[in-house]
Amino acid sequence: MAKLEINKQSVENWLYENGFETGLKDKSLQAPLIVAVVGVFLGWFLIKSSTSKIATASALANDAQVKSQIAEEYRQVAVGWGEFSKTMFLPPDKDPKDWLSSQISSYAQGSGVEVIAANPSGEAVNTGSLIWQQGSFELRGSYHDLGRFMADLENSRPYVGVTDFSLKRDLSSEGNAKPSVRLTAYVFLSGAAAAKAAVP
């Protein structure tokens, strides 16, 4: 706290200029002056104390506001990651192979495509950062239906990706033979689902 100093000479000069020639030596002025000086000192002390308390309260309020903002940002990140996980990763209570096979069959049926062969028992792939279960499938249908199947599969949640895709049409067959597609599909696994699938 800063030190309050009173210049005695300045006070005497002021008294002299205002008709009090004896200055501080005038006993009739000593008591009022003492009261005035004490009043000034107390006022100054109270102002400094109030200013300090206001500054402390302001700092605490700012600190609380910052903590509140950090907590809200953390909550938003947690919610966002939860939604992302639902979109990208297979829940741990689902069997990866069965789920992948059922998804392919469901989307194929919905788009009018026939599943000729299914081998969802492929090995789970572990890259260290991402783990996915893959399977091979062969389907047959018109170009339009196969295109709709791929579009529906792209919008599946959790996401089902395709790594290999090959289309062929046997022109030697009688009639208008439908094209067939061979593809390798995959689904990302969460940590718990990966452990359940015994991924190395």
N, C-alpha and C. Protein backbone atom coordinates (compact mmCIF):
# COMPACT_ATOMS: atom_id res chain seq x y z
N MET A 1 0.84 -1.19 0.00
CA MET A 1 0.00 0.00 0.00
C MET A 1 0.88 1.25 0.00
N ALA A 2 0.50 2.24 -0.81
CA ALA A 2 1.30 3.47 -0.90
C ALA A 2 1.23 4.25 0.41
N LYS A 3 2.29 5.00 0.73
CA LYS A 3 2.38 5.76 1.97
C LYS A 3 1.81 7.16 1.78
N LEU A 4 0.92 7.54 2.70
CA LEU A 4 0.33 8.88 2.65
C LEU A 4 1.21 9.84 3.41
N GLU A 5 1.67 10.91 2.76
CA GLU A 5 2.54 11.90 3.39
C GLU A 5 1.86 13.27 3.40
N ILE A 6 1.97 13.97 4.52
CA ILE A 6 1.40 15.32 4.65
C ILE A 6 2.55 16.30 4.86
N ASN A 7 2.64 17.27 4.00
CA ASN A 7 3.70 18.27 4.06
C ASN A 7 3.30 19.37 5.05
N LYS A 8 3.98 19.40 6.22
CA LYS A 8 3.64 20.37 7.26
C LYS A 8 3.82 21.79 6.78
N GLN A 9 4.88 22.07 6.03
CA GLN A 9 5.16 23.41 5.55
C GLN A 9 4.06 23.89 4.61
N SER A 10 3.56 22.97 3.76
CA SER A 10 2.49 23.33 2.82
C SER A 10 1.22 23.69 3.57
N VAL A 11 0.95 22.95 4.66
CA VAL A 11 -0.23 23.25 5.47
C VAL A 11 -0.10 24.62 6.12
N GLU A 12 1.10 24.95 6.69
CA GLU A 12 1.32 26.25 7.32
C GLU A 12 1.20 27.38 6.32
N ASN A 13 1.73 27.17 5.12
CA ASN A 13 1.62 28.20 4.08
C ASN A 13 0.17 28.47 3.72
N TRP A 14 -0.62 27.39 3.65
CA TRP A 14 -2.04 27.57 3.29
C TRP A 14 -2.76 28.33 4.39
N LEU A 15 -2.45 28.00 5.65
CA LEU A 15 -3.08 28.69 6.77
C LEU A 15 -2.69 30.17 6.78
N TYR A 16 -1.44 30.45 6.50
CA TYR A 16 -0.96 31.83 6.51
C TYR A 16 -1.64 32.64 5.41
N GLU A 17 -1.76 32.02 4.25
CA GLU A 17 -2.37 32.71 3.11
C GLU A 17 -3.85 32.98 3.34
N ASN A 18 -4.47 32.20 4.20
CA ASN A 18 -5.90 32.36 4.45
C ASN A 18 -6.18 33.08 5.76
N GLY A 19 -5.20 33.82 6.27
CA GLY A 19 -5.44 34.70 7.41
C GLY A 19 -5.10 34.12 8.76
N PHE A 20 -4.57 32.89 8.77
CA PHE A 20 -4.19 32.30 10.05
C PHE A 20 -2.68 32.44 10.20
N GLU A 21 -2.24 33.69 10.63
CA GLU A 21 -0.82 34.01 10.61
C GLU A 21 0.01 33.10 11.52
N THR A 22 -0.57 32.63 12.59
CA THR A 22 0.23 31.83 13.52
C THR A 22 0.36 30.38 13.06
N GLY A 23 -0.36 30.05 12.03
CA GLY A 23 -0.23 28.71 11.44
C GLY A 23 -0.57 27.62 12.42
N LEU A 24 0.26 26.58 12.43
CA LEU A 24 -0.01 25.43 13.29
C LEU A 24 0.23 25.74 14.77
N LYS A 25 0.84 26.87 15.06
CA LYS A 25 1.08 27.24 16.45
C LYS A 25 -0.18 27.72 17.13
N ASP A 26 -1.20 28.06 16.34
CA ASP A 26 -2.47 28.52 16.90
C ASP A 26 -3.17 27.32 17.53
N LYS A 27 -3.29 27.32 18.87
CA LYS A 27 -3.87 26.17 19.57
C LYS A 27 -5.33 25.95 19.22
N SER A 28 -6.02 27.04 18.83
CA SER A 28 -7.44 26.88 18.49
C SER A 28 -7.63 26.06 17.22
N LEU A 29 -6.55 25.95 16.44
CA LEU A 29 -6.65 25.21 15.18
C LEU A 29 -6.13 23.78 15.29
N GLN A 30 -5.38 23.50 16.35
CA GLN A 30 -4.73 22.20 16.42
C GLN A 30 -5.71 21.03 16.44
N ALA A 31 -6.75 21.12 17.28
CA ALA A 31 -7.73 20.02 17.38
C ALA A 31 -8.47 19.79 16.06
N PRO A 32 -9.01 20.90 15.45
CA PRO A 32 -9.69 20.67 14.16
C PRO A 32 -8.76 20.11 13.09
N LEU A 33 -7.49 20.59 13.11
CA LEU A 33 -6.54 20.10 12.11
C LEU A 33 -6.25 18.62 12.31
N ILE A 34 -6.10 18.22 13.57
CA ILE A 34 -5.85 16.81 13.85
C ILE A 34 -7.01 15.94 13.36
N VAL A 35 -8.23 16.43 13.64
CA VAL A 35 -9.42 15.70 13.19
C VAL A 35 -9.46 15.61 11.67
N ALA A 36 -9.11 16.74 11.01
CA ALA A 36 -9.12 16.77 9.55
C ALA A 36 -8.09 15.80 8.97
N VAL A 37 -6.88 15.83 9.57
CA VAL A 37 -5.82 14.94 9.07
C VAL A 37 -6.21 13.48 9.24
N VAL A 38 -6.76 13.16 10.42
CA VAL A 38 -7.20 11.78 10.67
C VAL A 38 -8.31 11.39 9.69
N GLY A 39 -9.23 12.34 9.44
CA GLY A 39 -10.31 12.06 8.49
C GLY A 39 -9.80 11.79 7.09
N VAL A 40 -8.81 12.63 6.66
CA VAL A 40 -8.23 12.43 5.33
C VAL A 40 -7.54 11.06 5.25
N PHE A 41 -6.80 10.73 6.29
CA PHE A 41 -6.08 9.45 6.29
C PHE A 41 -7.04 8.26 6.24
N LEU A 42 -8.12 8.34 7.07
CA LEU A 42 -9.09 7.25 7.08
C LEU A 42 -9.80 7.12 5.74
N GLY A 43 -10.14 8.27 5.14
CA GLY A 43 -10.79 8.25 3.83
C GLY A 43 -9.91 7.62 2.78
N TRP A 44 -8.64 8.02 2.82
CA TRP A 44 -7.68 7.46 1.85
C TRP A 44 -7.52 5.96 2.05
N PHE A 45 -7.46 5.53 3.33
CA PHE A 45 -7.29 4.11 3.62
C PHE A 45 -8.50 3.30 3.15
N LEU A 46 -9.71 3.84 3.39
CA LEU A 46 -10.92 3.14 2.97
C LEU A 46 -11.01 3.03 1.46
N ILE A 47 -10.60 4.10 0.76
CA ILE A 47 -10.64 4.08 -0.71
C ILE A 47 -9.68 3.02 -1.24
N LYS A 48 -8.45 2.98 -0.68
CA LYS A 48 -7.47 1.99 -1.12
C LYS A 48 -7.95 0.57 -0.84
N SER A 49 -8.56 0.39 0.36
CA SER A 49 -9.05 -0.93 0.73
C SER A 49 -10.18 -1.38 -0.19
N SER A 50 -11.10 -0.44 -0.50
CA SER A 50 -12.21 -0.77 -1.40
C SER A 50 -11.72 -1.09 -2.79
N THR A 51 -10.74 -0.31 -3.25
CA THR A 51 -10.18 -0.55 -4.59
C THR A 51 -9.54 -1.93 -4.67
N SER A 52 -8.83 -2.30 -3.60
CA SER A 52 -8.18 -3.61 -3.57
C SER A 52 -9.22 -4.73 -3.59
N LYS A 53 -10.30 -4.55 -2.80
CA LYS A 53 -11.35 -5.58 -2.76
C LYS A 53 -12.05 -5.70 -4.11
N ILE A 54 -12.29 -4.56 -4.75
CA ILE A 54 -12.94 -4.58 -6.07
C ILE A 54 -12.06 -5.30 -7.08
N ALA A 55 -10.75 -5.01 -7.04
CA ALA A 55 -9.81 -5.66 -7.96
C ALA A 55 -9.78 -7.17 -7.73
N THR A 56 -9.78 -7.57 -6.44
CA THR A 56 -9.77 -9.00 -6.12
C THR A 56 -11.05 -9.69 -6.60
N ALA A 57 -12.19 -9.03 -6.35
CA ALA A 57 -13.47 -9.60 -6.79
C ALA A 57 -13.53 -9.70 -8.30
N SER A 58 -13.00 -8.69 -8.98
CA SER A 58 -12.99 -8.70 -10.45
C SER A 58 -12.13 -9.84 -10.98
N ALA A 59 -10.96 -10.05 -10.34
CA ALA A 59 -10.07 -11.13 -10.76
C ALA A 59 -10.72 -12.49 -10.56
N LEU A 60 -11.41 -12.65 -9.41
CA LEU A 60 -12.10 -13.92 -9.15
C LEU A 60 -13.22 -14.16 -10.15
N ALA A 61 -13.94 -13.09 -10.49
CA ALA A 61 -15.03 -13.21 -11.47
C ALA A 61 -14.49 -13.61 -12.83
N ASN A 62 -13.37 -12.97 -13.22
CA ASN A 62 -12.76 -13.31 -14.51
C ASN A 62 -12.27 -14.76 -14.52
N ASP A 63 -11.69 -15.19 -13.40
CA ASP A 63 -11.19 -16.57 -13.30
C ASP A 63 -12.35 -17.57 -13.40
N ALA A 64 -13.46 -17.25 -12.74
CA ALA A 64 -14.63 -18.13 -12.80
C ALA A 64 -15.20 -18.19 -14.20
N GLN A 65 -15.19 -17.03 -14.89
CA GLN A 65 -15.70 -16.99 -16.26
C GLN A 65 -14.83 -17.83 -17.19
N VAL A 66 -13.50 -17.74 -17.02
CA VAL A 66 -12.59 -18.53 -17.85
C VAL A 66 -12.80 -20.02 -17.61
N LYS A 67 -12.93 -20.41 -16.32
CA LYS A 67 -13.15 -21.82 -16.00
C LYS A 67 -14.47 -22.31 -16.59
N SER A 68 -15.49 -21.45 -16.54
CA SER A 68 -16.79 -21.82 -17.11
C SER A 68 -16.70 -22.01 -18.62
N GLN A 69 -15.95 -21.14 -19.29
CA GLN A 69 -15.78 -21.26 -20.74
C GLN A 69 -15.02 -22.54 -21.09
N ILE A 70 -13.98 -22.86 -20.31
CA ILE A 70 -13.21 -24.09 -20.56
C ILE A 70 -14.10 -25.32 -20.37
N ALA A 71 -14.92 -25.30 -19.31
CA ALA A 71 -15.81 -26.43 -19.05
C ALA A 71 -16.82 -26.61 -20.18
N GLU A 72 -17.35 -25.49 -20.70
CA GLU A 72 -18.32 -25.56 -21.79
C GLU A 72 -17.66 -26.07 -23.06
N GLU A 73 -16.44 -25.61 -23.36
CA GLU A 73 -15.73 -26.09 -24.55
C GLU A 73 -15.42 -27.58 -24.43
N TYR A 74 -15.05 -28.02 -23.24
CA TYR A 74 -14.78 -29.44 -23.03
C TYR A 74 -16.05 -30.26 -23.24
N ARG A 75 -17.18 -29.74 -22.74
CA ARG A 75 -18.45 -30.45 -22.90
C ARG A 75 -18.81 -30.58 -24.38
N GLN A 76 -18.60 -29.50 -25.14
CA GLN A 76 -18.92 -29.53 -26.57
C GLN A 76 -18.03 -30.54 -27.31
N VAL A 77 -16.74 -30.58 -26.93
CA VAL A 77 -15.83 -31.55 -27.56
C VAL A 77 -16.26 -32.97 -27.24
N ALA A 78 -16.64 -33.21 -25.98
CA ALA A 78 -17.06 -34.55 -25.57
C ALA A 78 -18.32 -34.98 -26.32
N VAL A 79 -19.28 -34.04 -26.45
CA VAL A 79 -20.51 -34.36 -27.18
C VAL A 79 -20.20 -34.62 -28.65
N GLY A 80 -19.33 -33.77 -29.23
CA GLY A 80 -18.96 -33.94 -30.63
C GLY A 80 -18.26 -35.26 -30.88
N TRP A 81 -17.36 -35.64 -29.98
CA TRP A 81 -16.66 -36.91 -30.14
C TRP A 81 -17.63 -38.08 -30.00
N GLY A 82 -18.61 -37.95 -29.09
CA GLY A 82 -19.60 -39.01 -28.93
C GLY A 82 -20.41 -39.22 -30.19
N GLU A 83 -20.83 -38.11 -30.83
CA GLU A 83 -21.59 -38.21 -32.08
C GLU A 83 -20.72 -38.78 -33.19
N PHE A 84 -19.46 -38.35 -33.24
CA PHE A 84 -18.53 -38.86 -34.26
C PHE A 84 -18.32 -40.37 -34.08
N SER A 85 -18.20 -40.82 -32.83
CA SER A 85 -18.00 -42.24 -32.56
C SER A 85 -19.18 -43.07 -33.03
N LYS A 86 -20.39 -42.53 -32.81
CA LYS A 86 -21.59 -43.25 -33.26
C LYS A 86 -21.62 -43.36 -34.78
N THR A 87 -21.07 -42.35 -35.44
CA THR A 87 -21.08 -42.32 -36.90
C THR A 87 -20.01 -43.23 -37.49
N MET A 88 -18.85 -43.29 -36.86
CA MET A 88 -17.70 -43.96 -37.47
C MET A 88 -17.39 -45.34 -36.91
N PHE A 89 -17.72 -45.61 -35.66
CA PHE A 89 -17.26 -46.85 -35.03
C PHE A 89 -18.42 -47.78 -34.67
N LEU A 90 -18.18 -49.07 -34.85
CA LEU A 90 -19.18 -50.07 -34.48
C LEU A 90 -19.27 -50.16 -32.96
N PRO A 91 -20.49 -50.14 -32.40
CA PRO A 91 -20.64 -50.26 -30.95
C PRO A 91 -20.04 -51.57 -30.44
N PRO A 92 -19.52 -51.57 -29.22
CA PRO A 92 -18.85 -52.77 -28.68
C PRO A 92 -19.78 -53.96 -28.47
N ASP A 93 -21.10 -53.72 -28.42
CA ASP A 93 -22.02 -54.84 -28.19
C ASP A 93 -22.41 -55.56 -29.49
N LYS A 94 -21.84 -55.13 -30.61
CA LYS A 94 -22.13 -55.76 -31.91
C LYS A 94 -20.98 -56.66 -32.34
N ASP A 95 -21.33 -57.82 -32.91
CA ASP A 95 -20.31 -58.69 -33.48
C ASP A 95 -19.92 -58.15 -34.86
N PRO A 96 -18.66 -57.80 -35.11
CA PRO A 96 -18.27 -57.14 -36.36
C PRO A 96 -18.63 -57.94 -37.61
N LYS A 97 -18.38 -59.24 -37.61
CA LYS A 97 -18.62 -60.06 -38.80
C LYS A 97 -20.11 -60.19 -39.10
N ASP A 98 -20.89 -60.50 -38.07
CA ASP A 98 -22.34 -60.63 -38.26
C ASP A 98 -22.96 -59.31 -38.67
N TRP A 99 -22.50 -58.22 -38.02
CA TRP A 99 -23.09 -56.91 -38.33
C TRP A 99 -22.78 -56.50 -39.76
N LEU A 100 -21.54 -56.70 -40.21
CA LEU A 100 -21.16 -56.32 -41.56
C LEU A 100 -21.96 -57.12 -42.59
N SER A 101 -22.12 -58.42 -42.36
CA SER A 101 -22.88 -59.26 -43.28
C SER A 101 -24.35 -58.84 -43.33
N SER A 102 -24.93 -58.55 -42.17
CA SER A 102 -26.34 -58.14 -42.13
C SER A 102 -26.55 -56.79 -42.80
N GLN A 103 -25.59 -55.87 -42.67
CA GLN A 103 -25.71 -54.57 -43.31
C GLN A 103 -25.68 -54.70 -44.82
N ILE A 104 -24.75 -55.49 -45.34
CA ILE A 104 -24.66 -55.69 -46.79
C ILE A 104 -25.95 -56.32 -47.31
N SER A 105 -26.46 -57.33 -46.61
CA SER A 105 -27.69 -58.00 -47.03
C SER A 105 -28.88 -57.05 -46.98
N SER A 106 -28.95 -56.23 -45.93
CA SER A 106 -30.06 -55.30 -45.78
C SER A 106 -30.08 -54.25 -46.88
N TYR A 107 -28.93 -53.64 -47.17
CA TYR A 107 -28.86 -52.62 -48.22
C TYR A 107 -29.07 -53.23 -49.60
N ALA A 108 -28.60 -54.47 -49.78
CA ALA A 108 -28.81 -55.14 -51.07
C ALA A 108 -30.29 -55.40 -51.30
N GLN A 109 -30.98 -55.89 -50.29
CA GLN A 109 -32.41 -56.16 -50.41
C GLN A 109 -33.19 -54.88 -50.66
N GLY A 110 -32.79 -53.81 -49.98
CA GLY A 110 -33.50 -52.54 -50.14
C GLY A 110 -33.33 -51.92 -51.51
N SER A 111 -32.26 -52.24 -52.20
CA SER A 111 -32.01 -51.67 -53.53
C SER A 111 -32.26 -52.66 -54.67
N GLY A 112 -32.77 -53.85 -54.35
CA GLY A 112 -33.08 -54.83 -55.39
C GLY A 112 -31.88 -55.57 -55.92
N VAL A 113 -30.83 -55.68 -55.13
CA VAL A 113 -29.60 -56.37 -55.53
C VAL A 113 -29.54 -57.73 -54.85
N GLU A 114 -29.06 -58.74 -55.57
CA GLU A 114 -28.96 -60.10 -55.03
C GLU A 114 -27.54 -60.35 -54.51
N VAL A 115 -27.46 -60.90 -53.31
CA VAL A 115 -26.17 -61.29 -52.75
C VAL A 115 -25.87 -62.71 -53.21
N ILE A 116 -24.85 -62.88 -54.04
CA ILE A 116 -24.49 -64.19 -54.58
C ILE A 116 -23.60 -64.95 -53.61
N ALA A 117 -22.64 -64.26 -53.03
CA ALA A 117 -21.70 -64.90 -52.10
C ALA A 117 -21.29 -63.90 -51.02
N ALA A 118 -21.05 -64.41 -49.83
CA ALA A 118 -20.64 -63.55 -48.71
C ALA A 118 -19.58 -64.26 -47.88
N ASN A 119 -18.53 -63.54 -47.59
CA ASN A 119 -17.47 -64.08 -46.74
C ASN A 119 -17.06 -62.98 -45.75
N PRO A 120 -17.88 -62.80 -44.71
CA PRO A 120 -17.59 -61.73 -43.75
C PRO A 120 -16.54 -62.10 -42.72
N SER A 121 -15.96 -63.29 -42.85
CA SER A 121 -15.03 -63.77 -41.82
C SER A 121 -13.58 -63.39 -42.10
N GLY A 122 -13.39 -62.30 -42.83
CA GLY A 122 -12.03 -61.85 -43.09
C GLY A 122 -11.34 -61.39 -41.81
N GLU A 123 -10.04 -61.25 -41.88
CA GLU A 123 -9.27 -60.85 -40.71
C GLU A 123 -9.49 -59.38 -40.39
N ALA A 124 -9.52 -59.08 -39.09
CA ALA A 124 -9.56 -57.69 -38.67
C ALA A 124 -8.19 -57.08 -38.90
N VAL A 125 -8.17 -55.84 -39.36
CA VAL A 125 -6.92 -55.16 -39.70
C VAL A 125 -6.59 -54.14 -38.62
N ASN A 126 -5.37 -54.19 -38.11
CA ASN A 126 -4.91 -53.28 -37.07
C ASN A 126 -3.74 -52.47 -37.60
N THR A 127 -3.96 -51.16 -37.80
CA THR A 127 -2.89 -50.29 -38.29
C THR A 127 -2.20 -49.55 -37.15
N GLY A 128 -2.66 -49.77 -35.93
CA GLY A 128 -2.08 -49.07 -34.78
C GLY A 128 -2.93 -47.90 -34.36
N SER A 129 -3.46 -47.14 -35.32
CA SER A 129 -4.31 -46.00 -35.01
C SER A 129 -5.78 -46.31 -35.27
N LEU A 130 -6.05 -47.14 -36.28
CA LEU A 130 -7.41 -47.54 -36.61
C LEU A 130 -7.49 -49.05 -36.78
N ILE A 131 -8.61 -49.60 -36.37
CA ILE A 131 -8.84 -51.04 -36.49
C ILE A 131 -10.15 -51.25 -37.21
N TRP A 132 -10.17 -52.13 -38.21
CA TRP A 132 -11.43 -52.41 -38.90
C TRP A 132 -11.57 -53.87 -39.24
N GLN A 133 -12.84 -54.28 -39.33
CA GLN A 133 -13.19 -55.64 -39.74
C GLN A 133 -13.62 -55.59 -41.20
N GLN A 134 -13.09 -56.47 -42.01
CA GLN A 134 -13.45 -56.46 -43.43
C GLN A 134 -14.00 -57.82 -43.86
N GLY A 135 -14.73 -57.81 -44.97
CA GLY A 135 -15.31 -59.03 -45.52
C GLY A 135 -15.50 -58.88 -47.01
N SER A 136 -15.58 -60.01 -47.73
CA SER A 136 -15.73 -59.99 -49.19
C SER A 136 -17.15 -60.42 -49.56
N PHE A 137 -17.70 -59.75 -50.58
CA PHE A 137 -19.07 -60.03 -51.00
C PHE A 137 -19.16 -59.96 -52.52
N GLU A 138 -20.10 -60.75 -53.07
CA GLU A 138 -20.38 -60.68 -54.50
C GLU A 138 -21.88 -60.47 -54.67
N LEU A 139 -22.22 -59.49 -55.48
CA LEU A 139 -23.62 -59.11 -55.67
C LEU A 139 -23.95 -59.04 -57.15
N ARG A 140 -25.26 -59.13 -57.46
CA ARG A 140 -25.67 -59.05 -58.85
C ARG A 140 -26.95 -58.22 -58.95
N GLY A 141 -27.00 -57.39 -59.98
CA GLY A 141 -28.18 -56.56 -60.19
C GLY A 141 -27.96 -55.65 -61.38
N SER A 142 -28.97 -54.85 -61.70
CA SER A 142 -28.83 -53.91 -62.81
C SER A 142 -27.87 -52.80 -62.40
N TYR A 143 -27.39 -52.05 -63.40
CA TYR A 143 -26.49 -50.94 -63.10
C TYR A 143 -27.17 -49.94 -62.17
N HIS A 144 -28.43 -49.70 -62.43
CA HIS A 144 -29.18 -48.74 -61.61
C HIS A 144 -29.27 -49.22 -60.16
N ASP A 145 -29.63 -50.50 -59.99
CA ASP A 145 -29.77 -51.03 -58.63
C ASP A 145 -28.43 -51.11 -57.90
N LEU A 146 -27.39 -51.49 -58.63
CA LEU A 146 -26.06 -51.53 -58.02
C LEU A 146 -25.60 -50.14 -57.60
N GLY A 147 -25.92 -49.14 -58.44
CA GLY A 147 -25.57 -47.76 -58.09
C GLY A 147 -26.31 -47.30 -56.85
N ARG A 148 -27.60 -47.66 -56.75
CA ARG A 148 -28.38 -47.28 -55.56
C ARG A 148 -27.85 -47.99 -54.32
N PHE A 149 -27.45 -49.26 -54.48
CA PHE A 149 -26.87 -50.00 -53.36
C PHE A 149 -25.63 -49.30 -52.82
N MET A 150 -24.74 -48.88 -53.72
CA MET A 150 -23.51 -48.22 -53.29
C MET A 150 -23.81 -46.88 -52.62
N ALA A 151 -24.81 -46.15 -53.15
CA ALA A 151 -25.18 -44.86 -52.55
C ALA A 151 -25.74 -45.06 -51.15
N ASP A 152 -26.60 -46.08 -50.98
CA ASP A 152 -27.16 -46.35 -49.65
C ASP A 152 -26.07 -46.80 -48.68
N LEU A 153 -25.16 -47.62 -49.18
CA LEU A 153 -24.08 -48.11 -48.32
C LEU A 153 -23.19 -46.97 -47.84
N GLU A 154 -23.01 -45.98 -48.69
CA GLU A 154 -22.17 -44.83 -48.33
C GLU A 154 -22.77 -44.03 -47.19
N ASN A 155 -24.10 -44.04 -47.07
CA ASN A 155 -24.78 -43.28 -46.02
C ASN A 155 -25.06 -44.11 -44.77
N SER A 156 -24.53 -45.32 -44.71
CA SER A 156 -24.79 -46.18 -43.55
C SER A 156 -24.12 -45.61 -42.30
N ARG A 157 -24.75 -45.86 -41.15
CA ARG A 157 -24.21 -45.43 -39.87
C ARG A 157 -24.35 -46.56 -38.85
N PRO A 158 -23.27 -47.05 -38.28
CA PRO A 158 -21.88 -46.65 -38.50
C PRO A 158 -21.44 -46.85 -39.95
N TYR A 159 -20.42 -46.10 -40.29
CA TYR A 159 -19.95 -46.05 -41.68
C TYR A 159 -19.42 -47.40 -42.15
N VAL A 160 -19.86 -47.82 -43.36
CA VAL A 160 -19.33 -49.02 -44.01
C VAL A 160 -18.56 -48.56 -45.25
N GLY A 161 -17.27 -48.84 -45.28
CA GLY A 161 -16.43 -48.43 -46.41
C GLY A 161 -16.17 -49.58 -47.36
N VAL A 162 -15.67 -49.24 -48.54
CA VAL A 162 -15.34 -50.23 -49.55
C VAL A 162 -13.89 -50.00 -49.99
N THR A 163 -13.07 -51.05 -49.93
CA THR A 163 -11.67 -50.92 -50.34
C THR A 163 -11.45 -51.43 -51.76
N ASP A 164 -12.08 -52.55 -52.11
CA ASP A 164 -11.91 -53.13 -53.45
C ASP A 164 -13.28 -53.25 -54.12
N PHE A 165 -13.32 -52.92 -55.41
CA PHE A 165 -14.58 -52.95 -56.14
C PHE A 165 -14.29 -53.34 -57.59
N SER A 166 -14.92 -54.41 -58.03
CA SER A 166 -14.75 -54.83 -59.43
C SER A 166 -16.10 -55.24 -60.00
N LEU A 167 -16.38 -54.78 -61.21
CA LEU A 167 -17.66 -55.06 -61.85
C LEU A 167 -17.42 -55.82 -63.14
N LYS A 168 -18.23 -56.82 -63.39
CA LYS A 168 -18.10 -57.57 -64.65
C LYS A 168 -19.49 -57.96 -65.15
N ARG A 169 -19.54 -58.22 -66.45
CA ARG A 169 -20.79 -58.66 -67.06
C ARG A 169 -20.46 -59.73 -68.09
N ASP A 170 -21.08 -60.88 -67.94
CA ASP A 170 -20.81 -62.01 -68.83
C ASP A 170 -21.66 -61.87 -70.09
N LEU A 171 -21.04 -61.33 -71.13
CA LEU A 171 -21.77 -61.11 -72.39
C LEU A 171 -22.03 -62.40 -73.15
N SER A 172 -21.33 -63.48 -72.77
CA SER A 172 -21.53 -64.75 -73.47
C SER A 172 -22.80 -65.47 -73.01
N SER A 173 -23.38 -64.99 -71.91
CA SER A 173 -24.58 -65.63 -71.40
C SER A 173 -25.77 -65.30 -72.28
N GLU A 174 -26.74 -66.19 -72.28
CA GLU A 174 -27.94 -65.95 -73.07
C GLU A 174 -28.78 -64.87 -72.41
N GLY A 175 -29.43 -64.09 -73.22
CA GLY A 175 -30.27 -63.02 -72.70
C GLY A 175 -29.45 -61.85 -72.20
N ASN A 176 -30.13 -60.98 -71.48
CA ASN A 176 -29.50 -59.76 -70.96
C ASN A 176 -28.98 -60.04 -69.55
N ALA A 177 -27.79 -60.61 -69.43
CA ALA A 177 -27.24 -60.98 -68.13
C ALA A 177 -26.95 -59.73 -67.30
N LYS A 178 -27.32 -59.79 -66.02
CA LYS A 178 -27.07 -58.66 -65.14
C LYS A 178 -25.59 -58.64 -64.73
N PRO A 179 -25.04 -57.46 -64.56
CA PRO A 179 -23.64 -57.37 -64.11
C PRO A 179 -23.52 -57.82 -62.66
N SER A 180 -22.35 -58.23 -62.29
CA SER A 180 -22.08 -58.62 -60.90
C SER A 180 -20.93 -57.78 -60.36
N VAL A 181 -20.92 -57.64 -59.06
CA VAL A 181 -19.91 -56.81 -58.39
C VAL A 181 -19.25 -57.62 -57.28
N ARG A 182 -17.95 -57.55 -57.23
CA ARG A 182 -17.20 -58.11 -56.11
C ARG A 182 -16.59 -56.94 -55.33
N LEU A 183 -16.81 -56.94 -54.05
CA LEU A 183 -16.29 -55.83 -53.24
C LEU A 183 -15.81 -56.33 -51.90
N THR A 184 -14.88 -55.58 -51.34
CA THR A 184 -14.41 -55.81 -49.97
C THR A 184 -14.87 -54.63 -49.13
N ALA A 185 -15.72 -54.92 -48.16
CA ALA A 185 -16.27 -53.87 -47.31
C ALA A 185 -15.64 -53.96 -45.92
N TYR A 186 -15.71 -52.86 -45.18
CA TYR A 186 -15.13 -52.85 -43.83
C TYR A 186 -15.92 -51.92 -42.94
N VAL A 187 -15.77 -52.12 -41.64
CA VAL A 187 -16.35 -51.24 -40.63
C VAL A 187 -15.30 -50.99 -39.56
N PHE A 188 -15.20 -49.73 -39.12
CA PHE A 188 -14.24 -49.39 -38.06
C PHE A 188 -14.73 -49.94 -36.72
N LEU A 189 -13.79 -50.41 -35.92
CA LEU A 189 -14.12 -50.94 -34.60
C LEU A 189 -13.67 -49.98 -33.51
N SER A 190 -14.50 -49.85 -32.46
CA SER A 190 -14.07 -49.11 -31.28
C SER A 190 -13.08 -49.97 -30.51
N GLY A 191 -12.45 -49.39 -29.51
CA GLY A 191 -11.47 -50.16 -28.73
C GLY A 191 -12.08 -51.40 -28.10
N ALA A 192 -13.30 -51.24 -27.53
CA ALA A 192 -13.96 -52.37 -26.88
C ALA A 192 -14.35 -53.44 -27.89
N ALA A 193 -14.85 -53.01 -29.06
CA ALA A 193 -15.23 -53.97 -30.10
C ALA A 193 -14.01 -54.70 -30.63
N ALA A 194 -12.89 -53.99 -30.74
CA ALA A 194 -11.66 -54.61 -31.21
C ALA A 194 -11.17 -55.68 -30.23
N ALA A 195 -11.28 -55.37 -28.94
CA ALA A 195 -10.88 -56.35 -27.93
C ALA A 195 -11.78 -57.58 -27.99
N LYS A 196 -13.07 -57.34 -28.22
CA LYS A 196 -14.02 -58.45 -28.32
C LYS A 196 -13.71 -59.34 -29.52
N ALA A 197 -13.23 -58.71 -30.61
CA ALA A 197 -12.90 -59.46 -31.81
C ALA A 197 -11.51 -60.09 -31.73
N ALA A 198 -10.82 -59.88 -30.59
CA ALA A 198 -9.48 -60.45 -30.37
C ALA A 198 -8.51 -60.00 -31.44
N VAL A 199 -8.49 -58.67 -31.69
CA VAL A 199 -7.57 -58.12 -32.67
C VAL A 199 -6.18 -58.07 -32.06
N PRO A 200 -5.16 -58.59 -32.74
CA PRO A 200 -3.80 -58.59 -32.18
C PRO A 200 -3.22 -57.18 -32.13
